[in-house]
Amino acid sequence: MPGREALPSTLKRSSKKAQRTWVKAHDSAVDSYGEGERSHRVAFAALKHTHEKVGDHWEAKDHKGRSDERDNTAGGVDTNATKQHLYEQAKKLGVPGRSRMTKDELVEALQKANDRETARAR
């Protein structure tokens, strides 16, 4: 199935650039590995180099690079971002207690907030 037809709902609510990035990587992965979960993982890995998940959609990062260096299950949260950046994202999503959180706690809280927003948007 072409990437345009397999586009996840979080990407349907994202910029055209995020959609193009995911579709191009997905279609290339389908050519290499065939249709399935592996192609989706490859597409998300490519997307995470330039975008981060904020709530129920993906937004372009200020800097390019690998997002999940410390934890491969960060759910689209840029774990390499500064604590200030993570705090600003938490503020945007209304995460309670964010001012007292460590960087790792902010990452975890953002993951949960993103999951809640995605579920609410579906």
PDB file of N, CA and C in Angstrom:
ATOM      1  N   MET A   1       0.845  -1.178   0.000  1.00  0.00           N
ATOM      2  CA  MET A   1       0.000   0.000   0.000  1.00  0.00           C
ATOM      3  C   MET A   1       0.889   1.239   0.000  1.00  0.00           C
ATOM      4  N   PRO A   2       0.624   2.161  -0.885  1.00  0.00           N
ATOM      5  CA  PRO A   2       1.427   3.385  -0.914  1.00  0.00           C
ATOM      6  C   PRO A   2       1.341   4.138   0.413  1.00  0.00           C
ATOM      7  N   GLY A   3       2.443   4.801   0.752  1.00  0.00           N
ATOM      8  CA  GLY A   3       2.513   5.523   2.019  1.00  0.00           C
ATOM      9  C   GLY A   3       1.410   6.539   2.198  1.00  0.00           C
ATOM     10  N   ARG A   4       0.961   7.176   1.125  1.00  0.00           N
ATOM     11  CA  ARG A   4      -0.095   8.180   1.202  1.00  0.00           C
ATOM     12  C   ARG A   4      -1.377   7.558   1.749  1.00  0.00           C
ATOM     13  N   GLU A   5      -1.645   6.294   1.413  1.00  0.00           N
ATOM     14  CA  GLU A   5      -2.848   5.600   1.887  1.00  0.00           C
ATOM     15  C   GLU A   5      -2.670   5.041   3.296  1.00  0.00           C
ATOM     16  N   ALA A   6      -1.423   4.804   3.710  1.00  0.00           N
ATOM     17  CA  ALA A   6      -1.141   4.225   5.024  1.00  0.00           C
ATOM     18  C   ALA A   6      -0.804   5.290   6.066  1.00  0.00           C
ATOM     19  N   LEU A   7      -0.990   6.555   5.724  1.00  0.00           N
ATOM     20  CA  LEU A   7      -0.600   7.668   6.592  1.00  0.00           C
ATOM     21  C   LEU A   7      -1.310   7.587   7.950  1.00  0.00           C
ATOM     22  N   PRO A   8      -0.556   7.525   9.057  1.00  0.00           N
ATOM     23  CA  PRO A   8      -1.163   7.485  10.392  1.00  0.00           C
ATOM     24  C   PRO A   8      -1.919   8.788  10.701  1.00  0.00           C
ATOM     25  N   SER A   9      -2.885   8.709  11.596  1.00  0.00           N
ATOM     26  CA  SER A   9      -3.736   9.860  11.904  1.00  0.00           C
ATOM     27  C   SER A   9      -2.935  11.040  12.466  1.00  0.00           C
ATOM     28  N   THR A  10      -1.871  10.772  13.230  1.00  0.00           N
ATOM     29  CA  THR A  10      -1.077  11.879  13.771  1.00  0.00           C
ATOM     30  C   THR A  10      -0.396  12.659  12.655  1.00  0.00           C
ATOM     31  N   LEU A  11      -0.084  11.990  11.569  1.00  0.00           N
ATOM     32  CA  LEU A  11       0.541  12.670  10.433  1.00  0.00           C
ATOM     33  C   LEU A  11      -0.485  13.389   9.563  1.00  0.00           C
ATOM     34  N   LYS A  12      -1.709  12.910   9.544  1.00  0.00           N
ATOM     35  CA  LYS A  12      -2.767  13.597   8.796  1.00  0.00           C
ATOM     36  C   LYS A  12      -3.023  14.985   9.385  1.00  0.00           C
ATOM     37  N   ARG A  13      -2.722  15.153  10.670  1.00  0.00           N
ATOM     38  CA  ARG A  13      -2.904  16.445  11.344  1.00  0.00           C
ATOM     39  C   ARG A  13      -1.609  17.258  11.372  1.00  0.00           C
ATOM     40  N   SER A  14      -0.605  16.824  10.648  1.00  0.00           N
ATOM     41  CA  SER A  14       0.712  17.466  10.648  1.00  0.00           C
ATOM     42  C   SER A  14       0.959  18.198   9.331  1.00  0.00           C
ATOM     43  N   SER A  15       2.099  18.884   9.262  1.00  0.00           N
ATOM     44  CA  SER A  15       2.446  19.662   8.069  1.00  0.00           C
ATOM     45  C   SER A  15       2.651  18.758   6.858  1.00  0.00           C
ATOM     46  N   LYS A  16       2.563  19.363   5.687  1.00  0.00           N
ATOM     47  CA  LYS A  16       2.799  18.631   4.437  1.00  0.00           C
ATOM     48  C   LYS A  16       4.222  18.089   4.383  1.00  0.00           C
ATOM     49  N   LYS A  17       5.178  18.831   4.943  1.00  0.00           N
ATOM     50  CA  LYS A  17       6.578  18.375   4.954  1.00  0.00           C
ATOM     51  C   LYS A  17       6.715  17.099   5.783  1.00  0.00           C
ATOM     52  N   ALA A  18       6.076  17.061   6.951  1.00  0.00           N
ATOM     53  CA  ALA A  18       6.118  15.856   7.782  1.00  0.00           C
ATOM     54  C   ALA A  18       5.493  14.683   7.030  1.00  0.00           C
ATOM     55  N   GLN A  19       4.385  14.942   6.359  1.00  0.00           N
ATOM     56  CA  GLN A  19       3.725  13.886   5.596  1.00  0.00           C
ATOM     57  C   GLN A  19       4.613  13.382   4.465  1.00  0.00           C
ATOM     58  N   ARG A  20       5.237  14.309   3.727  1.00  0.00           N
ATOM     59  CA  ARG A  20       6.121  13.905   2.623  1.00  0.00           C
ATOM     60  C   ARG A  20       7.302  13.084   3.126  1.00  0.00           C
ATOM     61  N   THR A  21       7.889  13.502   4.256  1.00  0.00           N
ATOM     62  CA  THR A  21       9.027  12.779   4.832  1.00  0.00           C
ATOM     63  C   THR A  21       8.638  11.344   5.143  1.00  0.00           C
ATOM     64  N   TRP A  22       7.487  11.182   5.816  1.00  0.00           N
ATOM     65  CA  TRP A  22       7.031   9.850   6.214  1.00  0.00           C
ATOM     66  C   TRP A  22       6.706   9.001   4.984  1.00  0.00           C
ATOM     67  N   VAL A  23       5.986   9.571   4.033  1.00  0.00           N
ATOM     68  CA  VAL A  23       5.577   8.820   2.840  1.00  0.00           C
ATOM     69  C   VAL A  23       6.795   8.361   2.038  1.00  0.00           C
ATOM     70  N   LYS A  24       7.744   9.265   1.830  1.00  0.00           N
ATOM     71  CA  LYS A  24       8.934   8.916   1.046  1.00  0.00           C
ATOM     72  C   LYS A  24       9.717   7.786   1.726  1.00  0.00           C
ATOM     73  N   ALA A  25       9.921   7.890   3.035  1.00  0.00           N
ATOM     74  CA  ALA A  25      10.650   6.844   3.763  1.00  0.00           C
ATOM     75  C   ALA A  25       9.860   5.533   3.770  1.00  0.00           C
ATOM     76  N   HIS A  26       8.559   5.622   3.955  1.00  0.00           N
ATOM     77  CA  HIS A  26       7.715   4.423   3.970  1.00  0.00           C
ATOM     78  C   HIS A  26       7.782   3.698   2.631  1.00  0.00           C
ATOM     79  N   ASP A  27       7.590   4.442   1.545  1.00  0.00           N
ATOM     80  CA  ASP A  27       7.595   3.809   0.225  1.00  0.00           C
ATOM     81  C   ASP A  27       8.953   3.185  -0.104  1.00  0.00           C
ATOM     82  N   SER A  28      10.024   3.841   0.302  1.00  0.00           N
ATOM     83  CA  SER A  28      11.359   3.283   0.089  1.00  0.00           C
ATOM     84  C   SER A  28      11.536   1.998   0.902  1.00  0.00           C
ATOM     85  N   ALA A  29      11.042   2.017   2.139  1.00  0.00           N
ATOM     86  CA  ALA A  29      11.158   0.829   2.995  1.00  0.00           C
ATOM     87  C   ALA A  29      10.319  -0.322   2.450  1.00  0.00           C
ATOM     88  N   VAL A  30       9.153  -0.026   1.889  1.00  0.00           N
ATOM     89  CA  VAL A  30       8.325  -1.079   1.289  1.00  0.00           C
ATOM     90  C   VAL A  30       9.067  -1.727   0.134  1.00  0.00           C
ATOM     91  N   ASP A  31       9.773  -0.918  -0.661  1.00  0.00           N
ATOM     92  CA  ASP A  31      10.569  -1.479  -1.762  1.00  0.00           C
ATOM     93  C   ASP A  31      11.659  -2.407  -1.242  1.00  0.00           C
ATOM     94  N   SER A  32      12.246  -2.066  -0.084  1.00  0.00           N
ATOM     95  CA  SER A  32      13.341  -2.867   0.473  1.00  0.00           C
ATOM     96  C   SER A  32      12.874  -4.047   1.305  1.00  0.00           C
ATOM     97  N   TYR A  33      11.852  -3.833   2.154  1.00  0.00           N
ATOM     98  CA  TYR A  33      11.462  -4.844   3.141  1.00  0.00           C
ATOM     99  C   TYR A  33      10.072  -5.425   2.929  1.00  0.00           C
ATOM    100  N   GLY A  34       9.297  -4.833   2.066  1.00  0.00           N
ATOM    101  CA  GLY A  34       7.920  -5.275   1.890  1.00  0.00           C
ATOM    102  C   GLY A  34       6.997  -4.506   2.831  1.00  0.00           C
ATOM    103  N   GLU A  35       5.715  -4.694   2.610  1.00  0.00           N
ATOM    104  CA  GLU A  35       4.708  -3.999   3.413  1.00  0.00           C
ATOM    105  C   GLU A  35       4.688  -4.555   4.836  1.00  0.00           C
ATOM    106  N   GLY A  36       4.388  -3.692   5.817  1.00  0.00           N
ATOM    107  CA  GLY A  36       4.248  -4.171   7.180  1.00  0.00           C
ATOM    108  C   GLY A  36       4.828  -3.235   8.216  1.00  0.00           C
ATOM    109  N   GLU A  37       4.917  -3.769   9.427  1.00  0.00           N
ATOM    110  CA  GLU A  37       5.358  -2.979  10.579  1.00  0.00           C
ATOM    111  C   GLU A  37       6.766  -2.412  10.380  1.00  0.00           C
ATOM    112  N   ARG A  38       7.644  -3.191   9.780  1.00  0.00           N
ATOM    113  CA  ARG A  38       9.023  -2.726   9.602  1.00  0.00           C
ATOM    114  C   ARG A  38       9.076  -1.456   8.757  1.00  0.00           C
ATOM    115  N   SER A  39       8.269  -1.390   7.721  1.00  0.00           N
ATOM    116  CA  SER A  39       8.226  -0.200   6.867  1.00  0.00           C
ATOM    117  C   SER A  39       7.732   1.012   7.653  1.00  0.00           C
ATOM    118  N   HIS A  40       6.771   0.802   8.538  1.00  0.00           N
ATOM    119  CA  HIS A  40       6.266   1.894   9.375  1.00  0.00           C
ATOM    120  C   HIS A  40       7.339   2.362  10.358  1.00  0.00           C
ATOM    121  N   ARG A  41       8.065   1.430  10.949  1.00  0.00           N
ATOM    122  CA  ARG A  41       9.132   1.806  11.891  1.00  0.00           C
ATOM    123  C   ARG A  41      10.216   2.613  11.201  1.00  0.00           C
ATOM    124  N   VAL A  42      10.586   2.197   9.991  1.00  0.00           N
ATOM    125  CA  VAL A  42      11.602   2.922   9.219  1.00  0.00           C
ATOM    126  C   VAL A  42      11.111   4.338   8.922  1.00  0.00           C
ATOM    127  N   ALA A  43       9.852   4.464   8.526  1.00  0.00           N
ATOM    128  CA  ALA A  43       9.289   5.775   8.197  1.00  0.00           C
ATOM    129  C   ALA A  43       9.271   6.689   9.420  1.00  0.00           C
ATOM    130  N   PHE A  44       8.888   6.158  10.577  1.00  0.00           N
ATOM    131  CA  PHE A  44       8.884   6.976  11.794  1.00  0.00           C
ATOM    132  C   PHE A  44      10.301   7.355  12.212  1.00  0.00           C
ATOM    133  N   ALA A  45      11.250   6.446  12.026  1.00  0.00           N
ATOM    134  CA  ALA A  45      12.642   6.770  12.366  1.00  0.00           C
ATOM    135  C   ALA A  45      13.141   7.932  11.516  1.00  0.00           C
ATOM    136  N   ALA A  46      12.799   7.926  10.232  1.00  0.00           N
ATOM    137  CA  ALA A  46      13.199   9.032   9.356  1.00  0.00           C
ATOM    138  C   ALA A  46      12.524  10.326   9.775  1.00  0.00           C
ATOM    139  N   LEU A  47      11.249  10.245  10.120  1.00  0.00           N
ATOM    140  CA  LEU A  47      10.496  11.428  10.534  1.00  0.00           C
ATOM    141  C   LEU A  47      11.081  12.047  11.805  1.00  0.00           C
ATOM    142  N   LYS A  48      11.529  11.210  12.725  1.00  0.00           N
ATOM    143  CA  LYS A  48      12.049  11.704  14.007  1.00  0.00           C
ATOM    144  C   LYS A  48      13.355  12.481  13.872  1.00  0.00           C
ATOM    145  N   HIS A  49      14.013  12.390  12.731  1.00  0.00           N
ATOM    146  CA  HIS A  49      15.229  13.173  12.516  1.00  0.00           C
ATOM    147  C   HIS A  49      14.917  14.654  12.354  1.00  0.00           C
ATOM    148  N   THR A  50      13.739  14.961  11.817  1.00  0.00           N
ATOM    149  CA  THR A  50      13.407  16.355  11.521  1.00  0.00           C
ATOM    150  C   THR A  50      12.186  16.874  12.270  1.00  0.00           C
ATOM    151  N   HIS A  51      11.418  15.989  12.897  1.00  0.00           N
ATOM    152  CA  HIS A  51      10.179  16.380  13.571  1.00  0.00           C
ATOM    153  C   HIS A  51      10.084  15.731  14.948  1.00  0.00           C
ATOM    154  N   GLU A  52       9.267  16.335  15.801  1.00  0.00           N
ATOM    155  CA  GLU A  52       8.977  15.739  17.102  1.00  0.00           C
ATOM    156  C   GLU A  52       7.474  15.758  17.313  1.00  0.00           C
ATOM    157  N   LYS A  53       6.981  14.792  18.072  1.00  0.00           N
ATOM    158  CA  LYS A  53       5.553  14.703  18.311  1.00  0.00           C
ATOM    159  C   LYS A  53       5.178  15.672  19.416  1.00  0.00           C
ATOM    160  N   VAL A  54       4.172  16.492  19.145  1.00  0.00           N
ATOM    161  CA  VAL A  54       3.657  17.453  20.115  1.00  0.00           C
ATOM    162  C   VAL A  54       2.151  17.259  20.154  1.00  0.00           C
ATOM    163  N   GLY A  55       1.677  16.677  21.237  1.00  0.00           N
ATOM    164  CA  GLY A  55       0.241  16.414  21.338  1.00  0.00           C
ATOM    165  C   GLY A  55      -0.184  15.384  20.320  1.00  0.00           C
ATOM    166  N   ASP A  56      -1.104  15.776  19.440  1.00  0.00           N
ATOM    167  CA  ASP A  56      -1.666  14.832  18.478  1.00  0.00           C
ATOM    168  C   ASP A  56      -1.122  15.003  17.062  1.00  0.00           C
ATOM    169  N   HIS A  57       0.027  15.698  16.926  1.00  0.00           N
ATOM    170  CA  HIS A  57       0.607  15.924  15.603  1.00  0.00           C
ATOM    171  C   HIS A  57       2.126  16.048  15.711  1.00  0.00           C
ATOM    172  N   TRP A  58       2.784  16.175  14.567  1.00  0.00           N
ATOM    173  CA  TRP A  58       4.238  16.295  14.501  1.00  0.00           C
ATOM    174  C   TRP A  58       4.615  17.705  14.094  1.00  0.00           C
ATOM    175  N   GLU A  59       5.625  18.275  14.763  1.00  0.00           N
ATOM    176  CA  GLU A  59       6.120  19.618  14.442  1.00  0.00           C
ATOM    177  C   GLU A  59       7.600  19.539  14.104  1.00  0.00           C
ATOM    178  N   ALA A  60       8.035  20.429  13.218  1.00  0.00           N
ATOM    179  CA  ALA A  60       9.442  20.470  12.818  1.00  0.00           C
ATOM    180  C   ALA A  60      10.310  20.848  14.017  1.00  0.00           C
ATOM    181  N   LYS A  61      11.478  20.199  14.119  1.00  0.00           N
ATOM    182  CA  LYS A  61      12.439  20.522  15.177  1.00  0.00           C
ATOM    183  C   LYS A  61      13.233  21.758  14.791  1.00  0.00           C
ATOM    184  N   ASP A  62      13.817  22.406  15.795  1.00  0.00           N
ATOM    185  CA  ASP A  62      14.718  23.524  15.548  1.00  0.00           C
ATOM    186  C   ASP A  62      16.038  23.043  14.967  1.00  0.00           C
ATOM    187  N   HIS A  63      16.387  21.808  15.273  1.00  0.00           N
ATOM    188  CA  HIS A  63      17.642  21.225  14.808  1.00  0.00           C
ATOM    189  C   HIS A  63      17.368  19.814  14.308  1.00  0.00           C
ATOM    190  N   LYS A  64      18.133  19.376  13.337  1.00  0.00           N
ATOM    191  CA  LYS A  64      17.977  18.019  12.834  1.00  0.00           C
ATOM    192  C   LYS A  64      18.846  17.091  13.658  1.00  0.00           C
ATOM    193  N   GLY A  65      18.434  15.866  13.752  1.00  0.00           N
ATOM    194  CA  GLY A  65      19.237  14.877  14.454  1.00  0.00           C
ATOM    195  C   GLY A  65      18.378  13.793  15.041  1.00  0.00           C
ATOM    196  N   ARG A  66      19.021  12.830  15.567  1.00  0.00           N
ATOM    197  CA  ARG A  66      18.342  11.680  16.141  1.00  0.00           C
ATOM    198  C   ARG A  66      17.620  12.073  17.414  1.00  0.00           C
ATOM    199  N   SER A  67      16.364  11.684  17.559  1.00  0.00           N
ATOM    200  CA  SER A  67      15.597  12.087  18.723  1.00  0.00           C
ATOM    201  C   SER A  67      15.672  11.078  19.861  1.00  0.00           C
ATOM    202  N   ASP A  68      15.839   9.822  19.524  1.00  0.00           N
ATOM    203  CA  ASP A  68      15.730   8.777  20.537  1.00  0.00           C
ATOM    204  C   ASP A  68      17.078   8.172  20.912  1.00  0.00           C
ATOM    205  N   GLU A  69      18.088   8.989  21.093  1.00  0.00           N
ATOM    206  CA  GLU A  69      19.426   8.495  21.384  1.00  0.00           C
ATOM    207  C   GLU A  69      19.476   7.716  22.697  1.00  0.00           C
ATOM    208  N   ARG A  70      18.763   8.207  23.730  1.00  0.00           N
ATOM    209  CA  ARG A  70      18.814   7.543  25.029  1.00  0.00           C
ATOM    210  C   ARG A  70      17.795   6.429  25.152  1.00  0.00           C
ATOM    211  N   ASP A  71      16.686   6.536  24.452  1.00  0.00           N
ATOM    212  CA  ASP A  71      15.595   5.587  24.655  1.00  0.00           C
ATOM    213  C   ASP A  71      14.825   5.436  23.353  1.00  0.00           C
ATOM    214  N   ASN A  72      14.832   4.255  22.798  1.00  0.00           N
ATOM    215  CA  ASN A  72      14.163   4.044  21.519  1.00  0.00           C
ATOM    216  C   ASN A  72      12.644   4.084  21.623  1.00  0.00           C
ATOM    217  N   THR A  73      12.095   4.208  22.808  1.00  0.00           N
ATOM    218  CA  THR A  73      10.647   4.234  22.963  1.00  0.00           C
ATOM    219  C   THR A  73      10.161   5.585  23.462  1.00  0.00           C
ATOM    220  N   ALA A  74      10.827   6.653  23.080  1.00  0.00           N
ATOM    221  CA  ALA A  74      10.455   7.985  23.562  1.00  0.00           C
ATOM    222  C   ALA A  74       9.195   8.525  22.897  1.00  0.00           C
ATOM    223  N   GLY A  75       8.610   7.788  21.998  1.00  0.00           N
ATOM    224  CA  GLY A  75       7.325   8.179  21.438  1.00  0.00           C
ATOM    225  C   GLY A  75       7.324   9.495  20.686  1.00  0.00           C
ATOM    226  N   GLY A  76       8.413   9.820  20.048  1.00  0.00           N
ATOM    227  CA  GLY A  76       8.466  11.048  19.272  1.00  0.00           C
ATOM    228  C   GLY A  76       8.956  12.258  20.029  1.00  0.00           C
ATOM    229  N   VAL A  77       9.179  12.135  21.331  1.00  0.00           N
ATOM    230  CA  VAL A  77       9.705  13.245  22.125  1.00  0.00           C
ATOM    231  C   VAL A  77      11.214  13.342  21.879  1.00  0.00           C
ATOM    232  N   ASP A  78      11.679  14.532  21.608  1.00  0.00           N
ATOM    233  CA  ASP A  78      13.100  14.762  21.325  1.00  0.00           C
ATOM    234  C   ASP A  78      13.892  14.706  22.631  1.00  0.00           C
ATOM    235  N   THR A  79      14.446  13.543  22.946  1.00  0.00           N
ATOM    236  CA  THR A  79      15.161  13.362  24.214  1.00  0.00           C
ATOM    237  C   THR A  79      16.492  14.108  24.246  1.00  0.00           C
ATOM    238  N   ASN A  80      16.963  14.569  23.094  1.00  0.00           N
ATOM    239  CA  ASN A  80      18.206  15.340  23.052  1.00  0.00           C
ATOM    240  C   ASN A  80      17.968  16.839  23.195  1.00  0.00           C
ATOM    241  N   ALA A  81      16.716  17.233  23.243  1.00  0.00           N
ATOM    242  CA  ALA A  81      16.389  18.655  23.387  1.00  0.00           C
ATOM    243  C   ALA A  81      16.812  19.144  24.769  1.00  0.00           C
ATOM    244  N   THR A  82      16.952  20.458  24.885  1.00  0.00           N
ATOM    245  CA  THR A  82      17.299  21.034  26.185  1.00  0.00           C
ATOM    246  C   THR A  82      16.116  20.905  27.143  1.00  0.00           C
ATOM    247  N   LYS A  83      16.412  21.004  28.413  1.00  0.00           N
ATOM    248  CA  LYS A  83      15.349  20.946  29.410  1.00  0.00           C
ATOM    249  C   LYS A  83      14.367  22.101  29.184  1.00  0.00           C
ATOM    250  N   GLN A  84      14.889  23.268  28.803  1.00  0.00           N
ATOM    251  CA  GLN A  84      14.035  24.427  28.544  1.00  0.00           C
ATOM    252  C   GLN A  84      13.058  24.151  27.401  1.00  0.00           C
ATOM    253  N   HIS A  85      13.549  23.523  26.339  1.00  0.00           N
ATOM    254  CA  HIS A  85      12.676  23.193  25.214  1.00  0.00           C
ATOM    255  C   HIS A  85      11.581  22.220  25.658  1.00  0.00           C
ATOM    256  N   LEU A  86      11.962  21.200  26.402  1.00  0.00           N
ATOM    257  CA  LEU A  86      10.986  20.229  26.899  1.00  0.00           C
ATOM    258  C   LEU A  86       9.969  20.910  27.809  1.00  0.00           C
ATOM    259  N   TYR A  87      10.444  21.834  28.634  1.00  0.00           N
ATOM    260  CA  TYR A  87       9.554  22.585  29.519  1.00  0.00           C
ATOM    261  C   TYR A  87       8.538  23.386  28.692  1.00  0.00           C
ATOM    262  N   GLU A  88       9.010  24.043  27.625  1.00  0.00           N
ATOM    263  CA  GLU A  88       8.113  24.837  26.767  1.00  0.00           C
ATOM    264  C   GLU A  88       7.060  23.942  26.106  1.00  0.00           C
ATOM    265  N   GLN A  89       7.467  22.756  25.670  1.00  0.00           N
ATOM    266  CA  GLN A  89       6.510  21.814  25.082  1.00  0.00           C
ATOM    267  C   GLN A  89       5.485  21.373  26.127  1.00  0.00           C
ATOM    268  N   ALA A  90       5.963  21.106  27.349  1.00  0.00           N
ATOM    269  CA  ALA A  90       5.059  20.704  28.437  1.00  0.00           C
ATOM    270  C   ALA A  90       4.083  21.830  28.764  1.00  0.00           C
ATOM    271  N   LYS A  91       4.570  23.049  28.729  1.00  0.00           N
ATOM    272  CA  LYS A  91       3.711  24.213  28.978  1.00  0.00           C
ATOM    273  C   LYS A  91       2.633  24.311  27.911  1.00  0.00           C
ATOM    274  N   LYS A  92       3.026  24.105  26.654  1.00  0.00           N
ATOM    275  CA  LYS A  92       2.085  24.156  25.530  1.00  0.00           C
ATOM    276  C   LYS A  92       0.983  23.111  25.695  1.00  0.00           C
ATOM    277  N   LEU A  93       1.337  21.949  26.254  1.00  0.00           N
ATOM    278  CA  LEU A  93       0.382  20.856  26.428  1.00  0.00           C
ATOM    279  C   LEU A  93      -0.314  20.883  27.788  1.00  0.00           C
ATOM    280  N   GLY A  94       0.056  21.852  28.650  1.00  0.00           N
ATOM    281  CA  GLY A  94      -0.594  21.978  29.957  1.00  0.00           C
ATOM    282  C   GLY A  94      -0.244  20.879  30.939  1.00  0.00           C
ATOM    283  N   VAL A  95       0.996  20.411  30.918  1.00  0.00           N
ATOM    284  CA  VAL A  95       1.433  19.354  31.834  1.00  0.00           C
ATOM    285  C   VAL A  95       1.570  19.951  33.242  1.00  0.00           C
ATOM    286  N   PRO A  96       0.824  19.420  34.212  1.00  0.00           N
ATOM    287  CA  PRO A  96       0.903  19.963  35.573  1.00  0.00           C
ATOM    288  C   PRO A  96       2.218  19.564  36.261  1.00  0.00           C
ATOM    289  N   GLY A  97       2.748  20.443  37.111  1.00  0.00           N
ATOM    290  CA  GLY A  97       3.964  20.157  37.867  1.00  0.00           C
ATOM    291  C   GLY A  97       5.239  20.222  37.061  1.00  0.00           C
ATOM    292  N   ARG A  98       5.190  20.757  35.853  1.00  0.00           N
ATOM    293  CA  ARG A  98       6.346  20.755  34.949  1.00  0.00           C
ATOM    294  C   ARG A  98       7.535  21.534  35.485  1.00  0.00           C
ATOM    295  N   SER A  99       7.297  22.564  36.290  1.00  0.00           N
ATOM    296  CA  SER A  99       8.408  23.400  36.768  1.00  0.00           C
ATOM    297  C   SER A  99       9.301  22.666  37.771  1.00  0.00           C
ATOM    298  N   ARG A 100       8.795  21.614  38.387  1.00  0.00           N
ATOM    299  CA  ARG A 100       9.577  20.857  39.360  1.00  0.00           C
ATOM    300  C   ARG A 100      10.159  19.560  38.788  1.00  0.00           C
ATOM    301  N   MET A 101       9.934  19.310  37.505  1.00  0.00           N
ATOM    302  CA  MET A 101      10.361  18.044  36.903  1.00  0.00           C
ATOM    303  C   MET A 101      11.798  18.093  36.405  1.00  0.00           C
ATOM    304  N   THR A 102      12.450  16.936  36.471  1.00  0.00           N
ATOM    305  CA  THR A 102      13.771  16.785  35.862  1.00  0.00           C
ATOM    306  C   THR A 102      13.573  16.593  34.361  1.00  0.00           C
ATOM    307  N   LYS A 103      14.653  16.576  33.617  1.00  0.00           N
ATOM    308  CA  LYS A 103      14.568  16.392  32.170  1.00  0.00           C
ATOM    309  C   LYS A 103      13.913  15.054  31.833  1.00  0.00           C
ATOM    310  N   ASP A 104      14.333  13.990  32.508  1.00  0.00           N
ATOM    311  CA  ASP A 104      13.755  12.675  32.242  1.00  0.00           C
ATOM    312  C   ASP A 104      12.270  12.637  32.589  1.00  0.00           C
ATOM    313  N   GLU A 105      11.888  13.305  33.657  1.00  0.00           N
ATOM    314  CA  GLU A 105      10.472  13.361  34.035  1.00  0.00           C
ATOM    315  C   GLU A 105       9.667  14.147  32.995  1.00  0.00           C
ATOM    316  N   LEU A 106      10.253  15.212  32.453  1.00  0.00           N
ATOM    317  CA  LEU A 106       9.577  15.970  31.401  1.00  0.00           C
ATOM    318  C   LEU A 106       9.355  15.111  30.156  1.00  0.00           C
ATOM    319  N   VAL A 107      10.371  14.337  29.774  1.00  0.00           N
ATOM    320  CA  VAL A 107      10.241  13.448  28.615  1.00  0.00           C
ATOM    321  C   VAL A 107       9.087  12.477  28.835  1.00  0.00           C
ATOM    322  N   GLU A 108       9.051  11.863  30.005  1.00  0.00           N
ATOM    323  CA  GLU A 108       7.990  10.902  30.313  1.00  0.00           C
ATOM    324  C   GLU A 108       6.617  11.569  30.330  1.00  0.00           C
ATOM    325  N   ALA A 109       6.533  12.744  30.934  1.00  0.00           N
ATOM    326  CA  ALA A 109       5.265  13.474  30.995  1.00  0.00           C
ATOM    327  C   ALA A 109       4.799  13.879  29.595  1.00  0.00           C
ATOM    328  N   LEU A 110       5.741  14.273  28.745  1.00  0.00           N
ATOM    329  CA  LEU A 110       5.385  14.636  27.375  1.00  0.00           C
ATOM    330  C   LEU A 110       4.889  13.428  26.585  1.00  0.00           C
ATOM    331  N   GLN A 111       5.509  12.287  26.794  1.00  0.00           N
ATOM    332  CA  GLN A 111       5.046  11.070  26.138  1.00  0.00           C
ATOM    333  C   GLN A 111       3.590  10.799  26.505  1.00  0.00           C
ATOM    334  N   LYS A 112       3.288  10.875  27.783  1.00  0.00           N
ATOM    335  CA  LYS A 112       1.922  10.609  28.249  1.00  0.00           C
ATOM    336  C   LYS A 112       0.947  11.650  27.711  1.00  0.00           C
ATOM    337  N   ALA A 113       1.356  12.918  27.716  1.00  0.00           N
ATOM    338  CA  ALA A 113       0.493  13.983  27.201  1.00  0.00           C
ATOM    339  C   ALA A 113       0.248  13.794  25.708  1.00  0.00           C
ATOM    340  N   ASN A 114       1.281  13.418  24.975  1.00  0.00           N
ATOM    341  CA  ASN A 114       1.126  13.163  23.541  1.00  0.00           C
ATOM    342  C   ASN A 114       0.147  12.023  23.297  1.00  0.00           C
ATOM    343  N   ASP A 115       0.277  10.957  24.071  1.00  0.00           N
ATOM    344  CA  ASP A 115      -0.621   9.804  23.919  1.00  0.00           C
ATOM    345  C   ASP A 115      -2.067  10.203  24.206  1.00  0.00           C
ATOM    346  N   ARG A 116      -2.274  11.017  25.256  1.00  0.00           N
ATOM    347  CA  ARG A 116      -3.623  11.467  25.591  1.00  0.00           C
ATOM    348  C   ARG A 116      -4.215  12.318  24.468  1.00  0.00           C
ATOM    349  N   GLU A 117      -3.422  13.245  23.936  1.00  0.00           N
ATOM    350  CA  GLU A 117      -3.895  14.115  22.856  1.00  0.00           C
ATOM    351  C   GLU A 117      -4.214  13.315  21.603  1.00  0.00           C
ATOM    352  N   THR A 118      -3.374  12.333  21.294  1.00  0.00           N
ATOM    353  CA  THR A 118      -3.621  11.503  20.121  1.00  0.00           C
ATOM    354  C   THR A 118      -4.915  10.707  20.300  1.00  0.00           C
ATOM    355  N   ALA A 119      -5.111  10.118  21.460  1.00  0.00           N
ATOM    356  CA  ALA A 119      -6.327   9.342  21.728  1.00  0.00           C
ATOM    357  C   ALA A 119      -7.553  10.254  21.665  1.00  0.00           C
ATOM    358  N   ARG A 120      -7.446  11.450  22.180  1.00  0.00           N
ATOM    359  CA  ARG A 120      -8.569  12.393  22.175  1.00  0.00           C
ATOM    360  C   ARG A 120      -8.918  12.817  20.740  1.00  0.00           C
ATOM    361  N   ALA A 121      -7.919  12.935  19.895  1.00  0.00           N
ATOM    362  CA  ALA A 121      -8.137  13.400  18.522  1.00  0.00           C
ATOM    363  C   ALA A 121      -8.745  12.316  17.627  1.00  0.00           C
ATOM    364  N   ARG A 122      -8.640  11.077  18.026  1.00  0.00           N
ATOM    365  CA  ARG A 122      -9.152   9.978  17.184  1.00  0.00           C
ATOM    366  C   ARG A 122     -10.621   9.857  17.277  1.00  0.00           C
TER     367      ARG A 122
END
